[in-house]
Each structure stands twice: as C-alpha cells, then as structure tokens.
Protein backbone atom coordinates (compact mmCIF):
# COMPACT_ATOMS: atom_id res chain seq x y z
CA MET A 1 24.47 -255.39 105.35
CA ASN A 2 26.81 -254.87 108.30
CA LEU A 3 24.75 -254.61 111.50
CA ASP A 4 27.72 -254.82 113.86
CA ASP A 5 26.54 -255.74 117.38
CA LEU A 6 22.84 -255.35 118.12
CA ASN A 7 21.46 -255.67 121.65
CA PHE A 8 17.79 -256.54 121.83
CA GLY A 9 16.58 -256.35 125.39
CA ASN A 10 19.12 -256.83 128.15
CA ALA A 11 19.67 -260.53 127.58
CA PHE A 12 20.31 -260.99 123.85
CA LEU A 13 23.11 -259.95 121.50
CA TYR A 14 23.17 -260.44 117.73
CA SER A 15 26.45 -259.86 115.86
CA CYS A 16 26.73 -259.51 112.10
CA TYR A 17 29.92 -258.49 110.24
CA VAL A 18 31.08 -258.65 106.65
CA ASP A 19 34.73 -257.93 107.59
CA ASN A 20 37.01 -259.22 110.33
CA ALA A 21 36.14 -257.57 113.63
CA PHE A 22 37.41 -257.31 117.18
CA GLY A 23 35.08 -257.43 120.19
CA HIS A 24 35.85 -254.46 122.41
CA GLU A 25 34.28 -255.79 125.61
CA GLN A 26 37.04 -257.77 127.34
CA PHE A 27 35.51 -258.48 130.74
CA VAL A 28 32.86 -261.20 130.94
CA SER A 29 30.72 -260.04 133.87
CA GLU A 30 27.90 -262.60 133.51
CA HIS A 31 27.54 -266.14 132.21
CA VAL A 32 26.89 -266.10 128.47
CA ILE A 33 25.99 -268.77 125.94
CA SER A 34 26.80 -268.13 122.29
CA PHE A 35 25.69 -269.85 119.10
CA GLN A 36 27.82 -269.48 115.95
CA ILE A 37 25.51 -269.10 112.94
CA SER A 38 28.29 -268.51 110.39
CA GLY A 39 31.98 -267.65 110.43
CA GLU A 40 34.19 -268.21 113.46
CA THR A 41 34.84 -266.54 116.80
CA HIS A 42 38.34 -266.87 118.25
CA ILE A 43 38.32 -266.24 121.99
CA ASP A 44 41.65 -265.29 123.56
CA HIS A 45 41.15 -265.86 127.29
CA GLN A 46 43.28 -266.26 130.39
CA ASN A 47 43.88 -269.98 129.80
CA GLY A 48 44.53 -269.95 126.06
CA VAL A 49 42.54 -269.67 122.84
CA ILE A 50 39.27 -271.36 121.93
CA VAL A 51 37.64 -271.36 118.47
CA LEU A 52 33.86 -271.35 118.10
CA LYS A 53 32.90 -272.69 114.66
CA GLU A 54 29.69 -272.64 112.66
CA GLY A 55 26.92 -274.64 114.34
CA GLN A 56 28.73 -274.81 117.70
CA LEU A 57 27.73 -273.50 121.10
CA MET A 58 29.98 -272.11 123.79
CA ILE A 59 29.16 -271.26 127.38
CA SER A 60 31.43 -268.80 129.20
CA HIS A 61 31.70 -268.34 132.94
CA ARG A 62 31.23 -264.97 134.60
CA ASN A 63 34.12 -262.92 135.99
CA GLN A 64 36.85 -263.58 133.44
CA LEU A 65 38.96 -261.70 130.91
CA ALA A 66 38.58 -262.56 127.23
CA LYS A 67 39.06 -261.04 123.77
CA ALA A 68 36.83 -262.00 120.85
CA PHE A 69 38.06 -261.91 117.25
CA LYS A 70 35.29 -262.34 114.67
CA TYR A 71 35.99 -263.84 111.24
CA PRO A 72 33.43 -264.13 108.41
CA ALA A 73 33.37 -267.38 106.45
CA LYS A 74 34.20 -267.49 102.75
CA ASN A 75 31.31 -265.86 100.87
CA LYS A 76 29.39 -265.55 104.16
CA GLU A 77 29.07 -262.80 106.72
CA TYR A 78 29.92 -263.37 110.36
CA ARG A 79 26.77 -264.04 112.40
CA SER A 80 26.30 -265.08 116.02
CA LEU A 81 23.65 -264.98 118.72
CA SER A 82 24.36 -264.75 122.43
CA VAL A 83 22.21 -264.95 125.55
CA MET A 84 23.42 -263.16 128.68
CA LEU A 85 22.57 -265.25 131.73
CA HIS A 86 22.34 -262.52 134.35
CA THR A 87 23.00 -263.64 137.92
CA GLY A 88 19.63 -262.49 139.28
CA ARG A 89 17.66 -264.48 136.72
CA ILE A 90 19.78 -267.62 137.17
CA ARG A 91 19.57 -267.43 140.96
CA LYS A 92 15.77 -267.15 140.82
CA PHE A 93 15.56 -270.06 138.37
CA GLY A 94 17.81 -272.18 140.58
CA MET A 95 15.76 -271.48 143.71
CA GLU A 96 12.48 -272.23 141.92
CA HIS A 97 13.82 -275.56 140.58
CA HIS A 98 15.69 -276.54 143.77
CA TYR A 99 19.25 -276.56 142.47
CA ALA A 100 22.20 -276.38 144.87
CA LEU A 101 23.40 -272.77 144.91
CA ASP A 102 26.35 -273.04 147.30
CA LYS A 103 28.92 -275.03 145.29
CA LYS A 104 31.95 -273.35 143.75
CA TYR A 105 32.73 -274.26 140.14
CA GLN A 106 36.33 -275.42 139.60
CA GLY A 107 36.35 -276.34 135.90
CA LEU A 108 37.13 -274.64 132.60
CA PRO A 109 35.81 -271.07 132.17
CA ASN A 110 34.80 -271.63 128.53
CA ILE A 111 33.22 -274.85 127.26
CA LEU A 112 32.35 -275.84 123.69
CA LEU A 113 29.04 -277.71 123.49
CA GLN A 114 27.54 -279.81 120.75
CA SER A 115 24.17 -278.50 119.64
CA ASN A 116 21.04 -280.59 119.08
CA PRO A 117 17.65 -279.99 117.40
CA PHE A 118 16.21 -278.47 120.57
CA LEU A 119 19.08 -276.00 121.06
CA ASP A 120 19.16 -275.20 117.34
CA SER A 121 15.45 -274.46 117.40
CA PHE A 122 15.87 -272.21 120.43
CA PHE A 123 18.38 -269.95 118.69
CA GLN A 124 16.30 -269.94 115.51
CA SER A 125 13.38 -268.75 117.63
CA LEU A 126 15.41 -265.66 118.61
CA VAL A 127 15.57 -264.37 115.03
CA PRO A 128 12.17 -262.60 115.23
CA TYR A 129 13.45 -260.88 118.39
CA VAL A 130 16.30 -259.39 116.34
CA GLU A 131 13.82 -258.06 113.82
CA GLN A 132 11.44 -256.63 116.45
CA THR A 133 13.86 -255.25 119.03
CA SER A 134 11.56 -252.54 120.37
CA GLN A 135 8.91 -255.12 121.27
CA VAL A 136 11.11 -257.34 123.46
CA SER A 137 9.75 -257.00 127.01
CA LYS A 138 11.31 -258.13 130.28
CA GLN A 139 8.68 -260.85 130.52
CA MET A 140 9.62 -262.16 127.06
CA GLU A 141 13.29 -262.10 128.02
CA THR A 142 12.62 -264.08 131.18
CA VAL A 143 10.66 -266.74 129.28
CA LYS A 144 13.47 -267.21 126.73
CA VAL A 145 16.23 -267.22 129.37
CA ASN A 146 14.34 -269.82 131.40
CA GLU A 147 13.90 -271.85 128.22
CA ILE A 148 17.62 -271.95 127.40
CA LEU A 149 18.46 -272.77 131.04
CA THR A 150 16.02 -275.69 130.94
CA LEU A 151 17.42 -276.96 127.64
CA LEU A 152 21.03 -276.67 128.85
CA LEU A 153 20.40 -278.45 132.14
CA GLU A 154 18.41 -281.27 130.54
CA THR A 155 21.03 -281.74 127.81
CA TYR A 156 24.09 -281.15 130.00
CA PRO A 157 23.09 -281.72 133.65
CA GLU A 158 26.75 -281.48 134.65
CA LEU A 159 26.55 -277.73 133.95
CA SER A 160 24.52 -277.12 137.12
CA THR A 161 27.59 -276.25 139.21
CA PHE A 162 28.88 -274.01 136.39
CA LEU A 163 25.59 -272.11 136.11
CA PHE A 164 24.75 -271.80 139.80
CA ASP A 165 28.17 -270.69 141.03
CA PHE A 166 27.54 -267.25 142.52
CA SER A 167 30.84 -266.94 144.40
CA GLU A 168 33.06 -263.91 143.91
CA PRO A 169 36.81 -264.06 143.09
CA PHE A 170 39.01 -264.60 146.15
CA LYS A 171 42.20 -262.72 146.92
CA ILE A 172 45.08 -263.91 144.74
CA ASP A 173 48.68 -262.94 143.94
CA LEU A 174 48.30 -259.48 142.40
CA GLU A 175 51.76 -259.28 140.80
CA GLU A 176 51.48 -262.66 139.07
CA PHE A 177 47.98 -261.86 137.83
CA MET A 178 48.93 -258.47 136.37
CA GLN A 179 52.04 -259.82 134.64
CA LYS A 180 49.87 -262.42 132.91
CA ASN A 181 46.89 -260.20 132.06
CA TYR A 182 48.14 -256.64 131.44
CA GLN A 183 47.15 -256.90 127.75
CA TYR A 184 43.40 -256.85 128.50
CA ASN A 185 41.95 -253.39 128.03
CA VAL A 186 39.49 -253.23 130.93
CA PRO A 187 38.82 -250.67 133.68
CA ILE A 188 41.00 -250.87 136.80
CA GLU A 189 37.88 -251.85 138.73
CA ASN A 190 37.74 -255.14 136.81
CA PHE A 191 41.35 -255.98 137.62
CA ALA A 192 40.57 -255.25 141.27
CA LYS A 193 37.53 -257.56 141.27
CA LEU A 194 39.37 -260.42 139.58
CA THR A 195 42.16 -260.29 142.17
CA GLY A 196 39.61 -260.39 145.00
CA ARG A 197 40.07 -256.82 146.17
CA SER A 198 38.15 -253.60 146.55
CA LEU A 199 39.36 -250.80 144.29
CA ALA A 200 41.03 -249.01 147.21
CA SER A 201 42.74 -252.22 148.39
CA PHE A 202 43.89 -253.01 144.84
CA LYS A 203 45.47 -249.57 144.38
CA ARG A 204 47.15 -249.77 147.77
CA ASP A 205 48.59 -253.24 147.17
CA PHE A 206 49.58 -252.31 143.63
CA GLN A 207 51.56 -249.29 144.82
CA LYS A 208 53.43 -251.44 147.34
CA ILE A 209 54.38 -254.05 144.73
CA PHE A 210 55.09 -251.95 141.63
CA GLU A 211 55.85 -248.56 143.26
CA THR A 212 53.61 -246.77 140.76
CA SER A 213 49.93 -246.45 139.90
CA PRO A 214 48.04 -249.18 137.96
CA ARG A 215 47.34 -246.91 134.97
CA LYS A 216 50.93 -245.78 134.63
CA TRP A 217 52.29 -249.32 135.02
CA LEU A 218 49.89 -250.71 132.42
CA GLN A 219 50.87 -248.02 129.92
CA GLU A 220 54.59 -248.58 130.46
CA LYS A 221 54.27 -252.37 130.39
CA ARG A 222 52.30 -252.37 127.14
CA LEU A 223 54.63 -249.92 125.43
CA SER A 224 57.77 -251.81 126.49
CA GLU A 225 56.30 -255.07 125.25
CA ALA A 226 55.31 -253.40 121.99
CA TYR A 227 58.86 -252.14 121.46
CA ASN A 228 60.33 -255.59 122.08
CA ILE A 229 57.90 -257.27 119.69
CA LEU A 230 58.48 -254.72 116.93
CA LYS A 231 62.25 -254.90 117.34
CA LYS A 232 62.68 -258.66 117.70
CA LYS A 233 59.77 -260.16 115.77
CA GLN A 234 59.48 -257.54 113.01
CA LYS A 235 55.70 -257.44 113.27
CA LYS A 236 53.61 -254.60 111.91
CA PRO A 237 52.12 -252.07 114.39
CA THR A 238 48.65 -252.85 113.04
CA ASP A 239 49.14 -256.52 113.99
CA ILE A 240 49.97 -255.97 117.66
CA TYR A 241 48.26 -252.92 119.14
CA LEU A 242 44.96 -254.67 119.94
CA ASP A 243 46.74 -257.72 121.34
CA LEU A 244 48.56 -255.47 123.82
CA GLY A 245 45.49 -253.65 125.10
CA PHE A 246 45.62 -250.33 123.24
CA GLU A 247 42.22 -248.82 122.44
CA ASN A 248 43.05 -247.82 118.86
CA LEU A 249 45.97 -247.40 116.48
CA SER A 250 46.12 -243.62 116.87
CA HIS A 251 46.45 -243.89 120.66
CA PHE A 252 49.15 -246.53 120.24
CA TYR A 253 51.18 -244.35 117.86
CA SER A 254 50.96 -241.20 119.97
CA SER A 255 51.82 -242.98 123.24
CA PHE A 256 54.69 -244.87 121.62
CA LYS A 257 56.23 -241.75 120.12
CA GLU A 258 55.89 -239.85 123.40
CA LYS A 259 57.84 -242.58 125.23
CA PHE A 260 60.45 -243.58 122.67
CA GLY A 261 60.72 -240.49 120.45
CA VAL A 262 59.96 -242.49 117.29
CA THR A 263 56.83 -244.01 115.78
CA PRO A 264 56.25 -247.78 115.96
CA SER A 265 56.84 -248.17 112.22
CA MET A 266 60.32 -246.66 112.60
CA VAL A 267 61.42 -249.42 114.97
CA ILE A 268 60.96 -252.26 112.45
C-alpha cells in the first residue's frame, strides 16, 4: 500500500512508497530528525549529497536548501519517520533545562547519527501515532518531542549548539549564492531569507546585479542549463528536469519549447 507522505500532528511525518519518489519540499525551515526504517533517502543539499540508509538517523539544521530522493529497498517499500523540531518547542525546552541559547552553530548542516536501543524504541513508539492520526493532540506531540530531545542530548551532548542555534541567516553574496543554488525549486521568499535579506531588499539587490527579476532569471538560467546538458551530455529530459528545479515534466517541455522553438527531446 502506497501511503505517500502522511503528517500526523504538526511534528511528525511518515513516508511510505513502493516506487522511487522525489520529495517536493526543498526548503528545510525547522530542525528535523529522520529515521530510515527501510530503503534509502538521498539528500542533495548545498554542500553535497548524503545517503541515509536503513537503521540510520539523520539530523538536519533549519534554514537550508535540500532535495530528497526516496528509494525503496529490494522487495521492500520505502519507509521513514521524521520529527519536526519546531523552534518554539526547542527554545522552551532549552530554557527549562538551562541550555545556552546564544551560540551560533558553525558545523555541518546534516549529520548522520548511529542509533541505539533507546532511539530505536522511540521511533517504534511513534507507529501507533501513524495509525491513530486524528487522536494526536498538541500535548502528546510535546511529550514526544521533549522525549527525542532528551534522548539526543544524552546520547550526543555535542548537539546542543546545533539544536539551540536560533540565529537567522546573515547577509551574504547574493550573486554567488544564486549561481550555486538556482536549481532548488523554492519560493523567492526562501532565497531572500537564506541570503539574509527581506523580500524587498532581495528583489532590489537582485535587479542591480542581474538586471532582471528573480523569477525571470531563474527560468532563463534553468532552461539554458537544461539545453547545455541535453546537448553535451545526451541525457534524457526525464532525468534532468527535477534536478534543475522544474515543477513537473509538462512545465519543463512547454517552457523549453517556448524559449528554443523545439522540445527537449529534439535537442538530443
């Protein structure tokens, strides 16, 4: 049975696929910890690619771009459980347990962790929540989030700076950032936040640098890159459109033909 992605409450996400799948959400707005039950998750993020394998845990830092590709195992469906560590809940936990909340985290944005019987048991305890989604209250969510925070900090105390970093992105080189990250299909507001700007400031700076609007530049950049890949690397259109930030194959084909006068498959 293919359940796709199932949210139960605001803090938990259960994913179940029988075929390869692509995660459409590409902006990680809150810390999240994921447990791979079966299959693999390949995360394409700003610093490279990380593979989450069966039985492994991964914790991801808030405010980053990432793409998730989900692969079932042989004769097994893809299954994973994730807990969203919302800033408000973490801040309250940190204040109640007297953690330092003013240090900025400088390490890797995604960290693979080895599980243990306590962490395994925690994720197993979430299974009934999947089956009884309508009965998951805010109080139950808070108890489970506090439990995973306690387990993480007792097992990996070095994660305290990671978890309790509430700083916002600072202003960075907009041109360099966009050239490296144009392939992520996220709202303009997310690009603005990650470059340390308000939306108005982002649009103003963008116009000065690129002499066009963000939406138009992104479309042109993605299409030009698609043409070069199809022409030089002889890849299939179905193999590249998601990697370049297009929402779906139909949109890719229509936009490509409008710009170049031919369909992507005619370029190969």
